[in-house]
Amino acid sequence: MAEWDGKSRGTVFGFKVFVFFIKNFGINAAYALMHLPVPYFCLFSGKNVRGLRYYFRNRLHYSRLKTMVSIYKTYYTFGQTLVDKIAISSGLRSNYTYEFDGEVKIAEVLAMNKGGILISAHIGNFELAQYFFKERLAKDSISIVITDQDHEEIKDYLGQYVKKETHFIVVKDDLSHIFEINAALANNRIICIAGDRYMNNTKCLEETLLGKKAKFPLGPFYLASRLKVPVLFVYVMREPKRHYHLYAKWIDYNKGDMNDLLKKYTENVEQMIAKYPLQWFNFYDFWDDKK
């Protein structure tokens, strides 16, 4: 099925190993260690690999050999982003360089004093956006909307290392998170939300991505199109030599039209994929090709 199951693979032991290597041997040692689990995932994560294979072969039209190599590289790149996430959130931010493309747009949103919505995707390392914003925006100006269904034991363990600097709004079945979002916007906060994963039993929209129809969660686009606040598409993409590039684009769309907003979103995601094809981190049957 095309919907995401809400689970992120990983174990407490695995995170402990990488945290140990980062603290005792450095970031590069943790990168090197990543070559050990990557072959395992390539060989034994059948559904995930099939999703990536379809992405490279059928959507990007790679050759079989290039697809195989790209699957390995994608897993390795994803592993690097996890190492970076742990390192940066643990206070090693100075070990990385950063580039801001459109940062002024976010500042302009705050200057309007009515909040704003940033829509991103599971490409690159968007969770690092909070650290980009920390030194440039008001410390308490960002709220990130998340689905809290990752393995609790992993999150509890990482909580020992990750600094709590960002306000999270957890999506709940009773829809109480909608009130939190409205309250945050009323306080001139910026709401960050991913627009590319929907879960079973939730409403969705359809739009073409890379030449084929795919399903997207209704919530982000409905809220953004109905609320009279600015909307930006934002991504944090990994580049060589521990360099991250933040992209922020102010979106001009037909106000109140969530389908037009979604279309603009998929077009923008396609542009990012063209630049960073190995940073597509939706490891499942995104296009619902295997019914």
Protein backbone atom coordinates (compact mmCIF):
# COMPACT_ATOMS: atom_id res chain seq x y z
CA MET A 1 0.00 0.00 0.00
CA ALA A 2 1.12 3.58 -0.65
CA GLU A 3 0.46 4.87 2.84
CA TRP A 4 3.32 5.12 5.29
CA ASP A 5 2.95 2.78 8.27
CA GLY A 6 4.27 5.36 10.73
CA LYS A 7 7.29 3.32 11.77
CA SER A 8 10.97 4.20 11.48
CA ARG A 9 13.40 1.31 11.44
CA GLY A 10 16.14 1.21 14.02
CA THR A 11 17.16 -0.13 17.41
CA VAL A 12 18.39 1.41 20.61
CA PHE A 13 21.62 -0.57 20.31
CA GLY A 14 22.24 0.83 16.84
CA PHE A 15 21.86 4.41 18.03
CA LYS A 16 24.07 3.72 21.04
CA VAL A 17 26.85 2.47 18.76
CA PHE A 18 26.77 5.56 16.56
CA VAL A 19 26.59 7.95 19.49
CA PHE A 20 29.59 6.15 21.01
CA PHE A 21 31.59 6.48 17.79
CA ILE A 22 30.72 10.16 17.36
CA LYS A 23 31.74 10.98 20.93
CA ASN A 24 34.92 8.89 21.01
CA PHE A 25 36.21 8.66 17.44
CA GLY A 26 34.60 11.53 15.60
CA ILE A 27 32.01 12.10 12.91
CA ASN A 28 34.06 10.61 10.07
CA ALA A 29 34.45 7.37 12.01
CA ALA A 30 30.67 7.19 12.38
CA TYR A 31 30.31 7.71 8.62
CA ALA A 32 32.74 4.86 7.97
CA LEU A 33 30.86 2.61 10.37
CA MET A 34 27.68 3.24 8.38
CA HIS A 35 29.03 0.98 5.63
CA LEU A 36 28.37 -2.02 7.90
CA PRO A 37 24.57 -1.80 8.33
CA VAL A 38 23.88 -0.47 4.81
CA PRO A 39 24.42 -3.84 3.04
CA TYR A 40 22.11 -5.47 5.58
CA PHE A 41 19.29 -3.06 4.77
CA CYS A 42 19.92 -3.47 1.03
CA LEU A 43 19.65 -7.26 1.33
CA PHE A 44 16.96 -7.75 3.96
CA SER A 45 14.64 -4.73 3.76
CA GLY A 46 12.58 -6.14 0.93
CA LYS A 47 9.66 -3.70 0.89
CA ASN A 48 11.90 -0.69 1.40
CA VAL A 49 14.28 -1.74 -1.36
CA ARG A 50 11.39 -2.40 -3.74
CA GLY A 51 10.13 1.11 -3.11
CA LEU A 52 13.54 2.59 -3.91
CA ARG A 53 13.98 0.34 -6.94
CA TYR A 54 10.68 1.52 -8.35
CA TYR A 55 11.66 5.15 -7.70
CA PHE A 56 14.97 4.86 -9.55
CA ARG A 57 13.91 2.48 -12.35
CA ASN A 58 10.37 3.63 -13.12
CA ARG A 59 10.30 7.25 -12.08
CA LEU A 60 13.88 8.39 -12.75
CA HIS A 61 14.46 5.78 -15.50
CA TYR A 62 17.87 4.65 -14.28
CA SER A 63 19.54 1.55 -15.69
CA ARG A 64 19.53 -1.62 -13.58
CA LEU A 65 23.16 -1.17 -12.59
CA LYS A 66 22.74 2.52 -11.76
CA THR A 67 19.64 1.65 -9.75
CA MET A 68 21.52 -0.93 -7.66
CA VAL A 69 24.34 1.51 -6.96
CA SER A 70 21.88 4.31 -6.21
CA ILE A 71 19.96 2.20 -3.69
CA TYR A 72 23.18 1.59 -1.77
CA LYS A 73 24.15 5.26 -1.98
CA THR A 74 20.69 6.35 -0.82
CA TYR A 75 20.86 4.16 2.28
CA TYR A 76 24.37 5.41 3.00
CA THR A 77 23.35 9.05 2.51
CA PHE A 78 20.38 8.50 4.81
CA GLY A 79 22.76 7.06 7.39
CA GLN A 80 24.96 10.13 7.08
CA THR A 81 21.98 12.39 7.75
CA LEU A 82 21.22 10.40 10.92
CA VAL A 83 24.82 10.81 12.08
CA ASP A 84 24.62 14.52 11.29
CA LYS A 85 21.36 14.84 13.20
CA ILE A 86 22.90 13.27 16.30
CA ALA A 87 26.12 15.27 15.99
CA ILE A 88 24.52 18.68 15.39
CA SER A 89 21.87 18.23 18.07
CA SER A 90 24.57 17.13 20.51
CA GLY A 91 26.47 20.40 20.19
CA LEU A 92 28.81 19.70 17.26
CA ARG A 93 27.21 22.28 14.97
CA SER A 94 30.56 24.00 14.33
CA ASN A 95 31.78 20.90 12.49
CA TYR A 96 29.39 21.72 9.63
CA THR A 97 28.96 24.55 7.16
CA TYR A 98 25.64 26.02 6.10
CA GLU A 99 24.16 27.89 3.17
CA PHE A 100 20.88 29.81 3.23
CA ASP A 101 18.82 30.27 0.08
CA GLY A 102 15.66 32.28 0.78
CA GLU A 103 16.23 32.77 4.50
CA VAL A 104 15.06 36.36 4.15
CA LYS A 105 11.63 35.07 3.15
CA ILE A 106 11.19 33.39 6.52
CA ALA A 107 12.20 36.59 8.30
CA GLU A 108 9.64 38.47 6.20
CA VAL A 109 6.96 36.03 7.30
CA LEU A 110 7.68 36.74 10.96
CA ALA A 111 7.73 40.47 10.26
CA MET A 112 4.12 40.22 9.03
CA ASN A 113 3.17 39.22 12.59
CA LYS A 114 0.58 36.60 11.68
CA GLY A 115 2.60 33.40 11.59
CA GLY A 116 3.28 31.20 8.62
CA ILE A 117 3.41 27.61 7.39
CA LEU A 118 6.50 25.87 6.04
CA ILE A 119 5.76 22.69 4.09
CA SER A 120 8.65 20.28 3.55
CA ALA A 121 9.14 16.65 2.52
CA HIS A 122 11.11 13.60 3.56
CA ILE A 123 14.03 14.54 1.37
CA GLY A 124 17.27 15.83 2.80
CA ASN A 125 17.38 16.46 6.54
CA PHE A 126 14.56 18.87 7.34
CA GLU A 127 14.67 18.09 11.06
CA LEU A 128 17.88 20.13 11.15
CA ALA A 129 15.95 23.24 10.16
CA GLN A 130 15.47 24.12 13.83
CA TYR A 131 19.24 24.56 14.17
CA PHE A 132 19.37 26.76 11.07
CA PHE A 133 16.70 28.99 12.56
CA LYS A 134 18.13 29.10 16.07
CA GLU A 135 20.65 31.89 15.50
CA ARG A 136 18.58 33.87 13.01
CA LEU A 137 15.05 33.87 14.34
CA ALA A 138 13.47 34.31 17.73
CA LYS A 139 14.34 31.25 19.79
CA ASP A 140 10.72 30.39 20.46
CA SER A 141 9.29 31.05 16.98
CA ILE A 142 9.20 27.55 15.46
CA SER A 143 6.72 24.70 15.95
CA ILE A 144 7.21 21.40 14.15
CA VAL A 145 4.20 19.16 13.50
CA ILE A 146 5.10 15.48 13.89
CA THR A 147 3.45 12.06 13.96
CA ASP A 148 4.66 10.54 17.19
CA GLN A 149 4.79 6.90 16.11
CA ASP A 150 8.52 6.26 15.98
CA HIS A 151 9.85 3.65 18.38
CA GLU A 152 9.49 5.25 21.81
CA GLU A 153 12.57 3.54 23.17
CA ILE A 154 14.76 5.13 20.49
CA LYS A 155 13.33 8.58 21.07
CA ASP A 156 13.76 8.19 24.82
CA TYR A 157 17.39 7.22 24.34
CA LEU A 158 18.18 10.07 21.92
CA GLY A 159 16.52 12.45 24.34
CA GLN A 160 19.63 12.11 26.51
CA TYR A 161 21.66 13.76 23.76
CA VAL A 162 19.30 15.98 21.79
CA LYS A 163 18.77 19.47 23.14
CA LYS A 164 15.11 20.38 23.58
CA GLU A 165 15.01 23.67 21.69
CA THR A 166 11.97 23.26 19.48
CA HIS A 167 8.27 23.13 20.23
CA PHE A 168 6.62 20.01 18.79
CA ILE A 169 2.94 19.68 17.96
CA VAL A 170 1.98 16.01 17.92
CA VAL A 171 -0.75 14.90 15.51
CA LYS A 172 -3.54 13.26 17.54
CA ASP A 173 -6.61 11.23 16.66
CA ASP A 174 -8.91 13.69 18.45
CA LEU A 175 -7.63 16.51 16.18
CA SER A 176 -6.64 18.60 19.18
CA HIS A 177 -3.43 19.44 17.35
CA ILE A 178 -5.49 21.73 15.09
CA PHE A 179 -6.16 24.00 18.07
CA GLU A 180 -2.46 23.99 18.91
CA ILE A 181 -1.60 25.00 15.36
CA ASN A 182 -4.12 27.85 15.40
CA ALA A 183 -2.81 29.04 18.76
CA ALA A 184 0.77 28.92 17.50
CA LEU A 185 -0.09 30.96 14.41
CA ALA A 186 -1.94 33.48 16.56
CA ASN A 187 1.31 33.92 18.50
CA ASN A 188 3.23 34.61 15.26
CA ARG A 189 4.92 31.23 15.26
CA ILE A 190 6.06 29.42 12.14
CA ILE A 191 4.53 25.97 11.67
CA CYS A 192 6.72 23.36 9.96
CA ILE A 193 5.01 20.29 8.52
CA ALA A 194 5.84 17.53 6.02
CA GLY A 195 3.47 17.25 3.07
CA ASP A 196 4.46 13.94 1.51
CA ARG A 197 3.33 11.10 3.80
CA TYR A 198 -0.19 10.02 4.60
CA MET A 199 -1.22 7.20 6.87
CA ASN A 200 -4.01 4.66 6.66
CA ASN A 201 -7.47 5.92 7.64
CA THR A 202 -6.54 9.55 6.96
CA LYS A 203 -7.87 11.70 4.14
CA CYS A 204 -5.62 12.27 1.17
CA LEU A 205 -5.27 14.15 -2.10
CA GLU A 206 -3.85 12.92 -5.40
CA GLU A 207 -1.36 14.69 -7.65
CA THR A 208 1.27 13.74 -10.19
CA LEU A 209 4.85 13.37 -8.99
CA LEU A 210 7.59 12.33 -11.42
CA GLY A 211 5.03 11.39 -14.05
CA LYS A 212 2.68 9.24 -11.95
CA LYS A 213 -0.20 9.94 -9.60
CA ALA A 214 0.58 9.62 -5.91
CA LYS A 215 -1.34 10.24 -2.69
CA PHE A 216 -0.54 13.04 -0.26
CA PRO A 217 -1.98 13.92 3.16
CA LEU A 218 -4.88 16.32 2.95
CA GLY A 219 -4.16 18.03 6.28
CA PRO A 220 -1.13 20.23 5.45
CA PHE A 221 -2.60 21.55 2.21
CA TYR A 222 -6.10 22.04 3.60
CA LEU A 223 -4.80 24.00 6.59
CA ALA A 224 -2.32 26.06 4.58
CA SER A 225 -4.89 26.97 1.93
CA ARG A 226 -7.65 27.85 4.42
CA LEU A 227 -5.64 29.83 6.96
CA LYS A 228 -4.78 33.34 5.87
CA VAL A 229 -1.06 33.04 6.49
CA PRO A 230 2.00 32.93 4.19
CA VAL A 231 3.08 29.52 2.87
CA LEU A 232 6.65 28.54 2.02
CA PHE A 233 8.23 25.32 0.79
CA VAL A 234 11.40 24.56 2.75
CA TYR A 235 14.07 21.86 2.47
CA VAL A 236 17.43 21.25 4.14
CA MET A 237 19.62 19.28 1.74
CA ARG A 238 22.90 17.55 2.44
CA GLU A 239 25.91 18.36 0.26
CA PRO A 240 29.53 17.08 0.29
CA LYS A 241 32.00 17.93 3.02
CA ARG A 242 29.46 18.26 5.84
CA HIS A 243 27.67 21.11 4.12
CA TYR A 244 23.93 21.77 4.36
CA HIS A 245 21.87 23.96 2.04
CA LEU A 246 18.54 25.40 3.21
CA TYR A 247 16.02 26.33 0.51
CA ALA A 248 12.99 28.48 1.29
CA LYS A 249 10.55 29.52 -1.43
CA TRP A 250 7.51 31.76 -0.99
CA ILE A 251 4.60 30.18 -2.86
CA ASP A 252 2.20 32.07 -5.09
CA TYR A 253 -0.93 29.95 -5.54
CA ASN A 254 -4.68 30.36 -5.89
CA LYS A 255 -5.70 31.26 -2.35
CA GLY A 256 -8.09 28.78 -0.81
CA ASP A 257 -7.30 26.13 -3.45
CA MET A 258 -5.55 23.24 -1.74
CA ASN A 259 -5.25 21.31 -5.01
CA ASP A 260 -3.36 24.16 -6.64
CA LEU A 261 -1.10 24.37 -3.59
CA LEU A 262 -0.44 20.63 -3.82
CA LYS A 263 0.40 20.93 -7.51
CA LYS A 264 2.90 23.70 -6.76
CA TYR A 265 4.32 21.48 -4.02
CA THR A 266 4.86 18.44 -6.24
CA GLU A 267 6.47 20.61 -8.90
CA ASN A 268 8.84 22.02 -6.29
CA VAL A 269 9.65 18.58 -4.90
CA GLU A 270 10.49 17.43 -8.43
CA GLN A 271 12.97 20.29 -8.73
CA MET A 272 14.66 19.23 -5.50
CA ILE A 273 14.75 15.57 -6.58
CA ALA A 274 16.44 16.61 -9.83
CA LYS A 275 19.23 18.21 -7.78
CA TYR A 276 19.40 15.57 -5.04
CA PRO A 277 18.08 12.22 -6.38
CA LEU A 278 19.83 10.23 -3.63
CA GLN A 279 18.03 12.11 -0.85
CA TRP A 280 14.57 10.68 -1.47
CA PHE A 281 13.94 9.05 1.92
CA ASN A 282 10.43 7.66 1.49
CA PHE A 283 11.36 4.00 1.88
CA TYR A 284 8.02 2.47 0.91
CA ASP A 285 5.69 2.00 -2.07
CA PHE A 286 5.06 5.72 -2.46
CA TRP A 287 3.24 5.46 -5.81
CA ASP A 288 1.17 2.44 -4.77
CA ASP A 289 2.62 0.43 -7.64
CA LYS A 290 2.23 -2.91 -5.81
CA LYS A 291 -1.49 -3.16 -5.09
